[in-house]
Amino acid sequence: MTIEISGSGLSIEKLMKIARHNEEIQLHPDALTRIKACRMMLENKIKAHEIMYGVNTGIGEFSEVVLNDDQV
């Protein structure tokens, strides 16, 4: 049985089936639309050189290290 990923309603049981039993998954079309919109927003912020933790900075003790365009 294919488990649909919609952005809500993912139970622990379903997650276990996916992680431990290789259950097939499929993205709900609305979830894919939201992912694409988020990706576009993220790319626009990167092009504008907006600093975003963990995207174009290091993580943890390196959070104040800003990565250059080639490293992102």
Protein backbone atom coordinates (compact mmCIF):
# COMPACT_ATOMS: atom_id res chain seq x y z
CA MET A 1 0.00 0.00 0.00
CA THR A 2 1.39 3.42 -0.96
CA ILE A 3 1.45 6.04 1.79
CA GLU A 4 0.56 9.54 0.65
CA ILE A 5 2.58 12.43 2.09
CA SER A 6 0.36 15.51 2.29
CA GLY A 7 1.98 17.66 4.95
CA SER A 8 -0.30 16.48 7.74
CA GLY A 9 -1.59 13.23 9.12
CA LEU A 10 1.66 11.26 9.09
CA SER A 11 1.33 8.93 12.06
CA ILE A 12 4.13 7.14 13.89
CA GLU A 13 2.78 3.89 12.48
CA LYS A 14 3.01 5.15 8.90
CA LEU A 15 6.48 6.57 9.53
CA MET A 16 7.61 3.18 10.86
CA LYS A 17 6.27 1.45 7.75
CA ILE A 18 8.23 3.86 5.56
CA ALA A 19 11.46 3.82 7.57
CA ARG A 20 11.63 0.18 8.54
CA HIS A 21 9.60 -1.68 5.95
CA ASN A 22 10.37 0.36 2.82
CA GLU A 23 6.71 1.21 2.26
CA GLU A 24 6.21 3.16 -0.96
CA ILE A 25 5.35 6.83 -0.64
CA GLN A 26 3.83 9.39 -2.94
CA LEU A 27 3.58 13.15 -2.55
CA HIS A 28 0.11 14.67 -2.62
CA PRO A 29 -0.04 17.25 -5.46
CA ASP A 30 -0.73 20.07 -2.96
CA ALA A 31 2.38 19.11 -0.98
CA LEU A 32 4.48 19.20 -4.14
CA THR A 33 3.10 22.66 -4.96
CA ARG A 34 4.05 23.91 -1.48
CA ILE A 35 7.54 22.39 -1.77
CA LYS A 36 8.12 24.11 -5.12
CA ALA A 37 6.91 27.46 -3.74
CA CYS A 38 9.23 27.12 -0.75
CA ARG A 39 12.14 26.21 -3.02
CA MET A 40 11.52 29.29 -5.17
CA MET A 41 11.37 31.53 -2.10
CA LEU A 42 14.61 30.02 -0.80
CA GLU A 43 16.39 30.48 -4.13
CA ASN A 44 15.24 34.13 -4.28
CA LYS A 45 16.60 34.78 -0.79
CA ILE A 46 19.91 33.14 -1.69
CA LYS A 47 20.19 35.30 -4.84
CA ALA A 48 19.50 38.38 -2.69
CA HIS A 49 22.34 37.29 -0.36
CA GLU A 50 19.97 37.16 2.61
CA ILE A 51 21.67 35.38 5.49
CA MET A 52 19.75 32.28 6.63
CA TYR A 53 20.97 30.00 9.40
CA GLY A 54 21.96 26.59 8.10
CA VAL A 55 21.34 27.52 4.47
CA ASN A 56 24.17 29.91 3.74
CA THR A 57 25.78 29.87 7.18
CA GLY A 58 27.47 27.20 9.19
CA ILE A 59 25.57 25.38 11.93
CA GLY A 60 26.11 25.46 15.69
CA GLU A 61 29.41 27.01 16.67
CA PHE A 62 29.95 27.89 13.00
CA SER A 63 26.67 29.79 12.70
CA GLU A 64 28.45 33.09 12.21
CA VAL A 65 30.44 31.73 9.26
CA VAL A 66 28.72 32.90 6.08
CA LEU A 67 29.22 30.67 3.06
CA ASN A 68 30.02 32.13 -0.34
CA ASP A 69 27.89 31.42 -3.42
CA ASP A 70 30.10 28.51 -4.50
CA GLN A 71 29.60 26.81 -1.13
CA VAL A 72 25.80 27.10 -1.04
